[in-house]
Amino acid sequence: METFVIAEAGANHNRDIKNAFALIDAAASAGATAVKFQTYSSETLYCKNTKDFAGYKNINKLIKDIELPRSWQKELKMYCDDTGIEFMSTPFDEAAVDELVSLGVKRLKIAGFESTDPRFVKMVSSAGLPVIVSAGIGSSLKSIRNIINWISEKQQSPDITVLHCNNAYPTPNSDINLNRIDSMVSKYGGEIKIGLSDHTEGILAPALAVAKGATCIEKHFTLSRRLPGPDHSFALEPEDLKEMINLIRMSTTMCIDSDNLYTNSEKKFVKAMRSVVAKGNILPGDVFSEENLTTKRPFLPGNIHCSRFFDLVGKTAKKHYNSDQFIEDGDLK
């Protein structure tokens, strides 16, 4: 299954619709499955009297300055459809859910800071669409069960993807804790899809996550890390996004588990395996033993593979063999 890659544009449009279109183009060119924006309003995201929050003197003004104009959403969705990439946006209030559903989005995303809020998770889930949830700050393996239960209350046979997520921006490599994905796959892999929402500054973590079983990757990107705004500095630029997706696709290919005895690339090397051969002269009626048999390359059609060496020990030779002569399947019949 191909990894679902979400190129997170977020607020990196800087309220310029030309930037938003350019972000869509960059995500599509990089090979992302979907490009995602965020639909929120300062009036519904933070209390109006919030002061001095996380280093910002006026968080409400910051949100107002970067929020996505709601009037853009239809145009962005249509542009994504024409470009051949899925349009997504993370809703942060009831109106946003209604707007996105009316646009015909295929799935809804719940951000990490909202994933521990049962009221919000249930509200988003009530739309009946597949849900992707970042299990971010304050989350644990136990709280993932809560997320599954909250969504299941609102949907029958829900399509749920939970993304391991560290909500530090950026996330130090020492804090990404990718082994959590192993635990999530082990505990919940049979009932939900599992992925990674990555806020590290590099491109390695997503490919490692895919190798651990992640089937969905989300990563912030920007047109330039030098642009003003809170989310540009830790985001990937277009060339890095493309390289990250190449690594993800490569990791997906490399982690395929095949039951074939030989891969396609190995078939021409089968001859380099070993066959059972006579160590010295063996006469008809002699009993095959570890003293008169050995194994050597090559393994040719009709030869007895070295793995069957001990199957021959104790059987009686029906013909004469010279030293280094192959013991063949037809000789035993």
C-alpha atoms as a PDB file:
ATOM      1  CA  MET A   1       0.000   0.000   0.000  1.00  0.00           C
ATOM      2  CA  GLU A   2       1.409   3.369  -1.002  1.00  0.00           C
ATOM      3  CA  THR A   3       2.060   5.741   1.878  1.00  0.00           C
ATOM      4  CA  PHE A   4      -0.484   8.579   2.129  1.00  0.00           C
ATOM      5  CA  VAL A   5       1.658  11.726   2.229  1.00  0.00           C
ATOM      6  CA  ILE A   6       0.084  14.971   3.432  1.00  0.00           C
ATOM      7  CA  ALA A   7       2.017  18.102   2.519  1.00  0.00           C
ATOM      8  CA  GLU A   8       0.985  20.475   5.302  1.00  0.00           C
ATOM      9  CA  ALA A   9       0.733  24.016   3.918  1.00  0.00           C
ATOM     10  CA  GLY A  10      -1.014  25.222   7.067  1.00  0.00           C
ATOM     11  CA  ALA A  11      -0.785  28.997   7.325  1.00  0.00           C
ATOM     12  CA  ASN A  12       2.256  29.289   5.072  1.00  0.00           C
ATOM     13  CA  HIS A  13       0.185  31.026   2.399  1.00  0.00           C
ATOM     14  CA  ASN A  14       0.655  34.236   4.410  1.00  0.00           C
ATOM     15  CA  ARG A  15      -2.848  35.268   3.328  1.00  0.00           C
ATOM     16  CA  ASP A  16      -1.789  35.605  -0.303  1.00  0.00           C
ATOM     17  CA  ILE A  17      -3.838  33.340  -2.559  1.00  0.00           C
ATOM     18  CA  LYS A  18      -1.035  33.266  -5.128  1.00  0.00           C
ATOM     19  CA  ASN A  19       1.134  31.681  -2.443  1.00  0.00           C
ATOM     20  CA  ALA A  20      -1.634  29.176  -1.737  1.00  0.00           C
ATOM     21  CA  PHE A  21      -1.758  28.154  -5.398  1.00  0.00           C
ATOM     22  CA  ALA A  22       2.044  27.929  -5.489  1.00  0.00           C
ATOM     23  CA  LEU A  23       1.992  25.670  -2.416  1.00  0.00           C
ATOM     24  CA  ILE A  24      -0.481  23.365  -4.152  1.00  0.00           C
ATOM     25  CA  ASP A  25       1.739  23.241  -7.226  1.00  0.00           C
ATOM     26  CA  ALA A  26       4.810  22.493  -5.115  1.00  0.00           C
ATOM     27  CA  ALA A  27       3.068  19.689  -3.216  1.00  0.00           C
ATOM     28  CA  ALA A  28       1.789  18.106  -6.420  1.00  0.00           C
ATOM     29  CA  SER A  29       5.198  18.402  -8.088  1.00  0.00           C
ATOM     30  CA  ALA A  30       6.854  16.750  -5.085  1.00  0.00           C
ATOM     31  CA  GLY A  31       4.526  13.749  -5.345  1.00  0.00           C
ATOM     32  CA  ALA A  32       2.396  14.313  -2.241  1.00  0.00           C
ATOM     33  CA  THR A  33      -0.964  12.562  -2.016  1.00  0.00           C
ATOM     34  CA  ALA A  34      -2.707  15.564  -0.469  1.00  0.00           C
ATOM     35  CA  VAL A  35      -2.030  19.191   0.351  1.00  0.00           C
ATOM     36  CA  LYS A  36      -3.557  20.453   3.581  1.00  0.00           C
ATOM     37  CA  PHE A  37      -4.471  23.885   4.848  1.00  0.00           C
ATOM     38  CA  GLN A  38      -6.055  24.861   8.182  1.00  0.00           C
ATOM     39  CA  THR A  39      -9.503  26.365   8.661  1.00  0.00           C
ATOM     40  CA  TYR A  40      -9.756  28.391  11.856  1.00  0.00           C
ATOM     41  CA  SER A  41     -10.806  31.806  13.122  1.00  0.00           C
ATOM     42  CA  SER A  42      -9.263  33.794  15.936  1.00  0.00           C
ATOM     43  CA  GLU A  43     -12.724  34.255  17.448  1.00  0.00           C
ATOM     44  CA  THR A  44     -13.270  30.503  17.918  1.00  0.00           C
ATOM     45  CA  LEU A  45      -9.737  29.222  18.506  1.00  0.00           C
ATOM     46  CA  TYR A  46      -8.552  31.239  21.536  1.00  0.00           C
ATOM     47  CA  CYS A  47     -10.432  33.040  24.276  1.00  0.00           C
ATOM     48  CA  LYS A  48     -10.545  36.721  23.412  1.00  0.00           C
ATOM     49  CA  ASN A  49      -8.854  37.733  26.656  1.00  0.00           C
ATOM     50  CA  THR A  50      -5.805  35.478  26.178  1.00  0.00           C
ATOM     51  CA  LYS A  51      -2.633  37.476  26.883  1.00  0.00           C
ATOM     52  CA  ASP A  52       1.100  36.802  26.671  1.00  0.00           C
ATOM     53  CA  PHE A  53       0.671  33.296  25.293  1.00  0.00           C
ATOM     54  CA  ALA A  54       3.707  31.165  24.318  1.00  0.00           C
ATOM     55  CA  GLY A  55       5.829  34.246  23.737  1.00  0.00           C
ATOM     56  CA  TYR A  56       3.168  36.099  21.764  1.00  0.00           C
ATOM     57  CA  LYS A  57       1.880  39.343  23.234  1.00  0.00           C
ATOM     58  CA  ASN A  58      -1.413  39.062  21.370  1.00  0.00           C
ATOM     59  CA  ILE A  59      -2.205  35.533  20.189  1.00  0.00           C
ATOM     60  CA  ASN A  60      -5.596  36.587  18.844  1.00  0.00           C
ATOM     61  CA  LYS A  61      -3.989  39.123  16.531  1.00  0.00           C
ATOM     62  CA  LEU A  62      -1.433  36.545  15.393  1.00  0.00           C
ATOM     63  CA  ILE A  63      -4.205  34.087  14.489  1.00  0.00           C
ATOM     64  CA  LYS A  64      -6.214  36.798  12.742  1.00  0.00           C
ATOM     65  CA  ASP A  65      -3.136  37.730  10.702  1.00  0.00           C
ATOM     66  CA  ILE A  66      -2.501  34.172   9.458  1.00  0.00           C
ATOM     67  CA  GLU A  67      -5.961  32.565   9.281  1.00  0.00           C
ATOM     68  CA  LEU A  68      -7.121  31.215   5.930  1.00  0.00           C
ATOM     69  CA  PRO A  69      -9.820  33.377   4.370  1.00  0.00           C
ATOM     70  CA  ARG A  70     -12.824  31.069   4.238  1.00  0.00           C
ATOM     71  CA  SER A  71     -13.791  32.433   0.823  1.00  0.00           C
ATOM     72  CA  TRP A  72     -10.655  30.829  -0.649  1.00  0.00           C
ATOM     73  CA  GLN A  73     -11.588  27.260   0.188  1.00  0.00           C
ATOM     74  CA  LYS A  74     -13.803  26.479  -2.801  1.00  0.00           C
ATOM     75  CA  GLU A  75     -11.269  27.944  -5.213  1.00  0.00           C
ATOM     76  CA  LEU A  76      -8.403  26.031  -3.614  1.00  0.00           C
ATOM     77  CA  LYS A  77     -10.390  22.794  -3.686  1.00  0.00           C
ATOM     78  CA  MET A  78     -11.173  23.265  -7.387  1.00  0.00           C
ATOM     79  CA  TYR A  79      -7.539  24.068  -8.145  1.00  0.00           C
ATOM     80  CA  CYS A  80      -6.431  20.893  -6.339  1.00  0.00           C
ATOM     81  CA  ASP A  81      -8.949  18.861  -8.336  1.00  0.00           C
ATOM     82  CA  ASP A  82      -7.586  20.295 -11.577  1.00  0.00           C
ATOM     83  CA  THR A  83      -3.984  19.744 -10.438  1.00  0.00           C
ATOM     84  CA  GLY A  84      -4.572  16.117  -9.449  1.00  0.00           C
ATOM     85  CA  ILE A  85      -3.857  16.362  -5.726  1.00  0.00           C
ATOM     86  CA  GLU A  86      -6.318  15.876  -2.867  1.00  0.00           C
ATOM     87  CA  PHE A  87      -7.419  19.020  -1.046  1.00  0.00           C
ATOM     88  CA  MET A  88      -7.555  18.836   2.734  1.00  0.00           C
ATOM     89  CA  SER A  89      -7.936  21.322   5.545  1.00  0.00           C
ATOM     90  CA  THR A  90      -7.938  20.853   9.301  1.00  0.00           C
ATOM     91  CA  PRO A  91     -11.164  22.238  10.834  1.00  0.00           C
ATOM     92  CA  PHE A  92     -11.008  23.943  14.206  1.00  0.00           C
ATOM     93  CA  ASP A  93     -14.680  24.775  14.735  1.00  0.00           C
ATOM     94  CA  GLU A  94     -18.139  23.537  13.811  1.00  0.00           C
ATOM     95  CA  ALA A  95     -18.550  25.934  10.895  1.00  0.00           C
ATOM     96  CA  ALA A  96     -15.265  24.763   9.418  1.00  0.00           C
ATOM     97  CA  VAL A  97     -16.455  21.139   9.480  1.00  0.00           C
ATOM     98  CA  ASP A  98     -19.689  22.079   7.706  1.00  0.00           C
ATOM     99  CA  GLU A  99     -17.826  24.135   5.105  1.00  0.00           C
ATOM    100  CA  LEU A 100     -15.326  21.402   4.305  1.00  0.00           C
ATOM    101  CA  VAL A 101     -17.975  18.691   4.100  1.00  0.00           C
ATOM    102  CA  SER A 102     -20.010  20.854   1.719  1.00  0.00           C
ATOM    103  CA  LEU A 103     -16.917  21.241  -0.473  1.00  0.00           C
ATOM    104  CA  GLY A 104     -16.724  17.461  -0.825  1.00  0.00           C
ATOM    105  CA  VAL A 105     -13.484  16.733   1.024  1.00  0.00           C
ATOM    106  CA  LYS A 106     -12.701  13.023   1.328  1.00  0.00           C
ATOM    107  CA  ARG A 107     -11.519  13.073   4.948  1.00  0.00           C
ATOM    108  CA  LEU A 108     -11.093  15.329   7.968  1.00  0.00           C
ATOM    109  CA  LYS A 109      -8.013  15.908  10.122  1.00  0.00           C
ATOM    110  CA  ILE A 110      -7.916  16.618  13.861  1.00  0.00           C
ATOM    111  CA  ALA A 111      -4.823  18.447  15.086  1.00  0.00           C
ATOM    112  CA  GLY A 112      -2.662  17.245  17.964  1.00  0.00           C
ATOM    113  CA  PHE A 113      -3.726  19.937  20.446  1.00  0.00           C
ATOM    114  CA  GLU A 114      -7.386  18.995  19.867  1.00  0.00           C
ATOM    115  CA  SER A 115      -6.997  15.202  19.997  1.00  0.00           C
ATOM    116  CA  THR A 116      -7.503  14.979  23.771  1.00  0.00           C
ATOM    117  CA  ASP A 117     -10.816  16.912  23.577  1.00  0.00           C
ATOM    118  CA  PRO A 118     -13.716  14.409  23.426  1.00  0.00           C
ATOM    119  CA  ARG A 119     -16.261  17.114  22.570  1.00  0.00           C
ATOM    120  CA  PHE A 120     -14.230  18.257  19.586  1.00  0.00           C
ATOM    121  CA  VAL A 121     -13.286  14.763  18.344  1.00  0.00           C
ATOM    122  CA  LYS A 122     -16.905  13.627  18.470  1.00  0.00           C
ATOM    123  CA  MET A 123     -18.064  16.791  16.697  1.00  0.00           C
ATOM    124  CA  VAL A 124     -15.653  16.270  13.798  1.00  0.00           C
ATOM    125  CA  SER A 125     -16.434  12.548  13.641  1.00  0.00           C
ATOM    126  CA  SER A 126     -20.169  13.200  13.392  1.00  0.00           C
ATOM    127  CA  ALA A 127     -19.582  14.340   9.797  1.00  0.00           C
ATOM    128  CA  GLY A 128     -19.223  10.645   8.928  1.00  0.00           C
ATOM    129  CA  LEU A 129     -15.984  11.010   6.950  1.00  0.00           C
ATOM    130  CA  PRO A 130     -12.706   9.135   7.451  1.00  0.00           C
ATOM    131  CA  VAL A 131     -10.786  10.792  10.260  1.00  0.00           C
ATOM    132  CA  ILE A 132      -7.053  11.372  10.657  1.00  0.00           C
ATOM    133  CA  VAL A 133      -6.016  12.334  14.187  1.00  0.00           C
ATOM    134  CA  SER A 134      -2.639  13.505  15.432  1.00  0.00           C
ATOM    135  CA  ALA A 135      -2.060  11.904  18.832  1.00  0.00           C
ATOM    136  CA  GLY A 136       0.014  14.835  20.001  1.00  0.00           C
ATOM    137  CA  ILE A 137       0.799  16.549  23.275  1.00  0.00           C
ATOM    138  CA  GLY A 138      -0.714  14.789  26.286  1.00  0.00           C
ATOM    139  CA  SER A 139      -1.361  11.577  24.328  1.00  0.00           C
ATOM    140  CA  SER A 140      -0.480   8.036  25.321  1.00  0.00           C
ATOM    141  CA  LEU A 141      -1.274   4.527  24.130  1.00  0.00           C
ATOM    142  CA  LYS A 142      -4.237   4.604  26.519  1.00  0.00           C
ATOM    143  CA  SER A 143      -5.563   7.901  25.154  1.00  0.00           C
ATOM    144  CA  ILE A 144      -5.425   6.497  21.610  1.00  0.00           C
ATOM    145  CA  ARG A 145      -8.054   4.009  22.787  1.00  0.00           C
ATOM    146  CA  ASN A 146     -10.135   7.005  23.872  1.00  0.00           C
ATOM    147  CA  ILE A 147      -9.818   8.527  20.400  1.00  0.00           C
ATOM    148  CA  ILE A 148     -10.930   5.279  18.764  1.00  0.00           C
ATOM    149  CA  ASN A 149     -13.896   5.010  21.131  1.00  0.00           C
ATOM    150  CA  TRP A 150     -14.980   8.640  20.638  1.00  0.00           C
ATOM    151  CA  ILE A 151     -14.966   8.277  16.859  1.00  0.00           C
ATOM    152  CA  SER A 152     -16.703   4.901  17.040  1.00  0.00           C
ATOM    153  CA  GLU A 153     -19.529   6.485  19.026  1.00  0.00           C
ATOM    154  CA  LYS A 154     -20.334   8.624  15.989  1.00  0.00           C
ATOM    155  CA  GLN A 155     -19.551   6.222  13.160  1.00  0.00           C
ATOM    156  CA  GLN A 156     -20.131   2.583  12.356  1.00  0.00           C
ATOM    157  CA  SER A 157     -17.025   0.824  10.966  1.00  0.00           C
ATOM    158  CA  PRO A 158     -15.025   4.047  11.094  1.00  0.00           C
ATOM    159  CA  ASP A 159     -11.974   4.684   8.932  1.00  0.00           C
ATOM    160  CA  ILE A 160      -9.445   5.956  11.496  1.00  0.00           C
ATOM    161  CA  THR A 161      -5.817   6.960  11.075  1.00  0.00           C
ATOM    162  CA  VAL A 162      -3.877   7.990  14.173  1.00  0.00           C
ATOM    163  CA  LEU A 163      -0.597   9.840  13.694  1.00  0.00           C
ATOM    164  CA  HIS A 164       2.119   9.752  16.322  1.00  0.00           C
ATOM    165  CA  CYS A 165       2.986  13.392  16.918  1.00  0.00           C
ATOM    166  CA  ASN A 166       5.216  15.582  19.034  1.00  0.00           C
ATOM    167  CA  ASN A 167       3.719  19.077  19.251  1.00  0.00           C
ATOM    168  CA  ALA A 168       6.977  20.963  19.731  1.00  0.00           C
ATOM    169  CA  TYR A 169       7.744  23.218  16.766  1.00  0.00           C
ATOM    170  CA  PRO A 170      10.356  22.210  15.808  1.00  0.00           C
ATOM    171  CA  THR A 171      10.731  18.802  17.473  1.00  0.00           C
ATOM    172  CA  PRO A 172      14.304  17.875  18.498  1.00  0.00           C
ATOM    173  CA  ASN A 173      15.395  14.522  17.082  1.00  0.00           C
ATOM    174  CA  SER A 174      15.900  13.335  20.657  1.00  0.00           C
ATOM    175  CA  ASP A 175      12.185  13.863  21.363  1.00  0.00           C
ATOM    176  CA  ILE A 176      10.572  12.333  18.256  1.00  0.00           C
ATOM    177  CA  ASN A 177      10.297   8.883  19.951  1.00  0.00           C
ATOM    178  CA  LEU A 178       9.696   6.875  16.782  1.00  0.00           C
ATOM    179  CA  ASN A 179       9.515   3.634  18.762  1.00  0.00           C
ATOM    180  CA  ARG A 180       6.023   4.760  19.773  1.00  0.00           C
ATOM    181  CA  ILE A 181       4.999   3.736  16.260  1.00  0.00           C
ATOM    182  CA  ASP A 182       6.114   0.165  16.989  1.00  0.00           C
ATOM    183  CA  SER A 183       3.916   0.171  20.095  1.00  0.00           C
ATOM    184  CA  MET A 184       0.962   1.634  18.197  1.00  0.00           C
ATOM    185  CA  VAL A 185       1.255  -0.930  15.406  1.00  0.00           C
ATOM    186  CA  SER A 186       1.503  -3.748  17.945  1.00  0.00           C
ATOM    187  CA  LYS A 187      -1.491  -2.601  19.998  1.00  0.00           C
ATOM    188  CA  TYR A 188      -3.829  -1.032  17.431  1.00  0.00           C
ATOM    189  CA  GLY A 189      -2.569  -2.120  14.007  1.00  0.00           C
ATOM    190  CA  GLY A 190      -5.460  -4.497  13.502  1.00  0.00           C
ATOM    191  CA  GLU A 191      -8.166  -1.852  13.809  1.00  0.00           C
ATOM    192  CA  ILE A 192      -6.716   1.504  12.699  1.00  0.00           C
ATOM    193  CA  LYS A 193      -4.098   2.894  10.331  1.00  0.00           C
ATOM    194  CA  ILE A 194      -1.025   4.420  11.920  1.00  0.00           C
ATOM    195  CA  GLY A 195       1.261   7.207  10.789  1.00  0.00           C
ATOM    196  CA  LEU A 196       3.438  10.146  11.778  1.00  0.00           C
ATOM    197  CA  SER A 197       2.877  13.874  11.927  1.00  0.00           C
ATOM    198  CA  ASP A 198       6.466  15.058  11.894  1.00  0.00           C
ATOM    199  CA  HIS A 199       7.733  18.399  13.157  1.00  0.00           C
ATOM    200  CA  THR A 200      11.457  17.663  13.097  1.00  0.00           C
ATOM    201  CA  GLU A 201      13.507  19.881  10.804  1.00  0.00           C
ATOM    202  CA  GLY A 202      14.964  17.113   8.642  1.00  0.00           C
ATOM    203  CA  ILE A 203      13.626  14.576   6.168  1.00  0.00           C
ATOM    204  CA  LEU A 204      14.815  11.327   7.804  1.00  0.00           C
ATOM    205  CA  ALA A 205      12.087  10.674  10.394  1.00  0.00           C
ATOM    206  CA  PRO A 206       9.226  10.047   7.918  1.00  0.00           C
ATOM    207  CA  ALA A 207      11.145   7.357   6.018  1.00  0.00           C
ATOM    208  CA  LEU A 208      12.104   5.682   9.310  1.00  0.00           C
ATOM    209  CA  ALA A 209       8.453   5.819  10.391  1.00  0.00           C
ATOM    210  CA  VAL A 210       7.366   4.082   7.183  1.00  0.00           C
ATOM    211  CA  ALA A 211       9.932   1.357   7.846  1.00  0.00           C
ATOM    212  CA  LYS A 212       8.243   0.875  11.240  1.00  0.00           C
ATOM    213  CA  GLY A 213       4.792   0.475   9.686  1.00  0.00           C
ATOM    214  CA  ALA A 214       3.468   4.026   9.263  1.00  0.00           C
ATOM    215  CA  THR A 215       1.088   4.310   6.303  1.00  0.00           C
ATOM    216  CA  CYS A 216       0.415   8.057   6.549  1.00  0.00           C
ATOM    217  CA  ILE A 217       2.936  10.897   6.849  1.00  0.00           C
ATOM    218  CA  GLU A 218       2.205  14.578   7.471  1.00  0.00           C
ATOM    219  CA  LYS A 219       4.911  17.234   7.133  1.00  0.00           C
ATOM    220  CA  HIS A 220       4.871  21.042   7.072  1.00  0.00           C
ATOM    221  CA  PHE A 221       6.315  22.733   4.002  1.00  0.00           C
ATOM    222  CA  THR A 222       6.776  26.265   2.754  1.00  0.00           C
ATOM    223  CA  LEU A 223       7.813  28.130  -0.358  1.00  0.00           C
ATOM    224  CA  SER A 224      10.728  29.614   1.586  1.00  0.00           C
ATOM    225  CA  ARG A 225      11.923  29.294   5.173  1.00  0.00           C
ATOM    226  CA  ARG A 226      12.856  32.969   5.044  1.00  0.00           C
ATOM    227  CA  LEU A 227       9.236  34.118   4.785  1.00  0.00           C
ATOM    228  CA  PRO A 228       7.716  35.846   7.817  1.00  0.00           C
ATOM    229  CA  GLY A 229       5.306  33.856   9.970  1.00  0.00           C
ATOM    230  CA  PRO A 230       5.333  31.299  12.810  1.00  0.00           C
ATOM    231  CA  ASP A 231       5.446  28.093  10.759  1.00  0.00           C
ATOM    232  CA  HIS A 232       8.013  28.790   8.026  1.00  0.00           C
ATOM    233  CA  SER A 233      11.250  28.335   9.947  1.00  0.00           C
ATOM    234  CA  PHE A 234      10.835  24.598  10.668  1.00  0.00           C
ATOM    235  CA  ALA A 235       9.017  23.686   7.435  1.00  0.00           C
ATOM    236  CA  LEU A 236      10.560  22.002   4.392  1.00  0.00           C
ATOM    237  CA  GLU A 237      11.190  23.928   1.212  1.00  0.00           C
ATOM    238  CA  PRO A 238       9.887  22.353  -2.042  1.00  0.00           C
ATOM    239  CA  GLU A 239      13.096  20.536  -2.998  1.00  0.00           C
ATOM    240  CA  ASP A 240      13.404  19.038   0.484  1.00  0.00           C
ATOM    241  CA  LEU A 241       9.735  17.998   0.379  1.00  0.00           C
ATOM    242  CA  LYS A 242      10.366  16.215  -2.908  1.00  0.00           C
ATOM    243  CA  GLU A 243      13.427  14.449  -1.505  1.00  0.00           C
ATOM    244  CA  MET A 244      11.502  13.433   1.630  1.00  0.00           C
ATOM    245  CA  ILE A 245       8.728  11.914  -0.474  1.00  0.00           C
ATOM    246  CA  ASN A 246      11.301  10.081  -2.599  1.00  0.00           C
ATOM    247  CA  LEU A 247      12.741   8.572   0.599  1.00  0.00           C
ATOM    248  CA  ILE A 248       9.250   7.603   1.776  1.00  0.00           C
ATOM    249  CA  ARG A 249       8.460   5.877  -1.531  1.00  0.00           C
ATOM    250  CA  MET A 250      11.853   4.136  -1.440  1.00  0.00           C
ATOM    251  CA  SER A 251      11.272   3.023   2.150  1.00  0.00           C
ATOM    252  CA  THR A 252       7.844   1.661   1.207  1.00  0.00           C
ATOM    253  CA  THR A 253       9.381  -0.372  -1.620  1.00  0.00           C
ATOM    254  CA  MET A 254      12.251  -1.628   0.523  1.00  0.00           C
ATOM    255  CA  CYS A 255       9.924  -2.801   3.307  1.00  0.00           C
ATOM    256  CA  ILE A 256       7.729  -5.036   1.135  1.00  0.00           C
ATOM    257  CA  ASP A 257       7.693  -8.547   2.641  1.00  0.00           C
ATOM    258  CA  SER A 258       7.562 -11.134  -0.141  1.00  0.00           C
ATOM    259  CA  ASP A 259       6.987 -14.867   0.310  1.00  0.00           C
ATOM    260  CA  ASN A 260       8.821 -15.661  -2.955  1.00  0.00           C
ATOM    261  CA  LEU A 261      11.807 -17.972  -2.517  1.00  0.00           C
ATOM    262  CA  TYR A 262      13.839 -15.797  -4.862  1.00  0.00           C
ATOM    263  CA  THR A 263      13.272 -12.156  -5.712  1.00  0.00           C
ATOM    264  CA  ASN A 264      13.297 -11.170  -9.373  1.00  0.00           C
ATOM    265  CA  SER A 265      16.787  -9.712  -8.981  1.00  0.00           C
ATOM    266  CA  GLU A 266      18.102 -12.908  -7.359  1.00  0.00           C
ATOM    267  CA  LYS A 267      16.909 -15.345 -10.030  1.00  0.00           C
ATOM    268  CA  LYS A 268      20.024 -15.001 -12.169  1.00  0.00           C
ATOM    269  CA  PHE A 269      22.164 -15.734  -9.107  1.00  0.00           C
ATOM    270  CA  VAL A 270      20.490 -19.052  -8.186  1.00  0.00           C
ATOM    271  CA  LYS A 271      23.355 -20.933  -9.824  1.00  0.00           C
ATOM    272  CA  ALA A 272      25.740 -19.544  -7.184  1.00  0.00           C
ATOM    273  CA  MET A 273      24.085 -21.699  -4.517  1.00  0.00           C
ATOM    274  CA  ARG A 274      25.496 -25.110  -3.579  1.00  0.00           C
ATOM    275  CA  SER A 275      24.630 -28.623  -4.744  1.00  0.00           C
ATOM    276  CA  VAL A 276      25.304 -32.049  -3.214  1.00  0.00           C
ATOM    277  CA  VAL A 277      28.362 -33.645  -4.876  1.00  0.00           C
ATOM    278  CA  ALA A 278      30.504 -36.724  -4.425  1.00  0.00           C
ATOM    279  CA  LYS A 279      33.541 -36.081  -2.239  1.00  0.00           C
ATOM    280  CA  GLY A 280      35.341 -39.053  -3.793  1.00  0.00           C
ATOM    281  CA  ASN A 281      34.543 -42.194  -5.783  1.00  0.00           C
ATOM    282  CA  ILE A 282      31.224 -43.735  -4.784  1.00  0.00           C
ATOM    283  CA  LEU A 283      30.296 -47.204  -6.056  1.00  0.00           C
ATOM    284  CA  PRO A 284      26.835 -48.643  -6.656  1.00  0.00           C
ATOM    285  CA  GLY A 285      25.557 -50.058  -3.349  1.00  0.00           C
ATOM    286  CA  ASP A 286      27.628 -47.680  -1.224  1.00  0.00           C
ATOM    287  CA  VAL A 287      25.701 -45.838   1.462  1.00  0.00           C
ATOM    288  CA  PHE A 288      25.772 -42.050   1.183  1.00  0.00           C
ATOM    289  CA  SER A 289      27.424 -40.526   4.234  1.00  0.00           C
ATOM    290  CA  GLU A 290      29.026 -37.346   5.498  1.00  0.00           C
ATOM    291  CA  GLU A 291      32.356 -38.942   4.580  1.00  0.00           C
ATOM    292  CA  ASN A 292      31.632 -39.500   0.868  1.00  0.00           C
ATOM    293  CA  LEU A 293      29.390 -36.500   0.177  1.00  0.00           C
ATOM    294  CA  THR A 294      29.999 -32.753   0.333  1.00  0.00           C
ATOM    295  CA  THR A 295      28.454 -29.551  -1.021  1.00  0.00           C
ATOM    296  CA  LYS A 296      29.867 -27.210  -3.663  1.00  0.00           C
ATOM    297  CA  ARG A 297      28.767 -24.548  -6.073  1.00  0.00           C
ATOM    298  CA  PRO A 298      27.008 -24.298  -8.523  1.00  0.00           C
ATOM    299  CA  PHE A 299      23.369 -25.287  -8.181  1.00  0.00           C
ATOM    300  CA  LEU A 300      22.105 -26.274 -11.623  1.00  0.00           C
ATOM    301  CA  PRO A 301      18.731 -27.616 -12.806  1.00  0.00           C
ATOM    302  CA  GLY A 302      18.384 -31.268 -11.825  1.00  0.00           C
ATOM    303  CA  ASN A 303      20.966 -31.039  -9.033  1.00  0.00           C
ATOM    304  CA  ILE A 304      20.138 -31.702  -5.407  1.00  0.00           C
ATOM    305  CA  HIS A 305      20.154 -28.502  -3.378  1.00  0.00           C
ATOM    306  CA  CYS A 306      22.575 -28.357  -0.463  1.00  0.00           C
ATOM    307  CA  SER A 307      19.653 -27.948   1.973  1.00  0.00           C
ATOM    308  CA  ARG A 308      18.775 -31.597   1.258  1.00  0.00           C
ATOM    309  CA  PHE A 309      22.241 -32.898   2.170  1.00  0.00           C
ATOM    310  CA  PHE A 310      21.149 -34.818   5.246  1.00  0.00           C
ATOM    311  CA  ASP A 311      18.142 -36.252   3.399  1.00  0.00           C
ATOM    312  CA  LEU A 312      20.632 -38.208   1.298  1.00  0.00           C
ATOM    313  CA  VAL A 313      22.721 -39.486   4.188  1.00  0.00           C
ATOM    314  CA  GLY A 314      21.824 -43.160   4.739  1.00  0.00           C
ATOM    315  CA  LYS A 315      20.446 -43.734   1.237  1.00  0.00           C
ATOM    316  CA  THR A 316      22.107 -46.243  -1.128  1.00  0.00           C
ATOM    317  CA  ALA A 317      23.914 -45.179  -4.289  1.00  0.00           C
ATOM    318  CA  LYS A 318      22.462 -46.734  -7.454  1.00  0.00           C
ATOM    319  CA  LYS A 319      25.320 -45.749  -9.777  1.00  0.00           C
ATOM    320  CA  HIS A 320      28.995 -44.923  -9.799  1.00  0.00           C
ATOM    321  CA  TYR A 321      30.088 -41.360  -9.034  1.00  0.00           C
ATOM    322  CA  ASN A 322      33.465 -39.822  -9.632  1.00  0.00           C
ATOM    323  CA  SER A 323      34.916 -37.212  -7.311  1.00  0.00           C
ATOM    324  CA  ASP A 324      33.137 -33.838  -7.720  1.00  0.00           C
ATOM    325  CA  GLN A 325      30.265 -35.382  -9.683  1.00  0.00           C
ATOM    326  CA  PHE A 326      26.815 -33.945  -8.961  1.00  0.00           C
ATOM    327  CA  ILE A 327      24.245 -36.159  -7.259  1.00  0.00           C
ATOM    328  CA  GLU A 328      21.095 -35.585  -9.290  1.00  0.00           C
ATOM    329  CA  ASP A 329      17.430 -36.026  -8.440  1.00  0.00           C
ATOM    330  CA  GLY A 330      16.977 -38.573 -11.216  1.00  0.00           C
ATOM    331  CA  ASP A 331      19.665 -40.783  -9.715  1.00  0.00           C
ATOM    332  CA  LEU A 332      17.525 -41.483  -6.657  1.00  0.00           C
ATOM    333  CA  LYS A 333      14.443 -42.739  -8.483  1.00  0.00           C
END
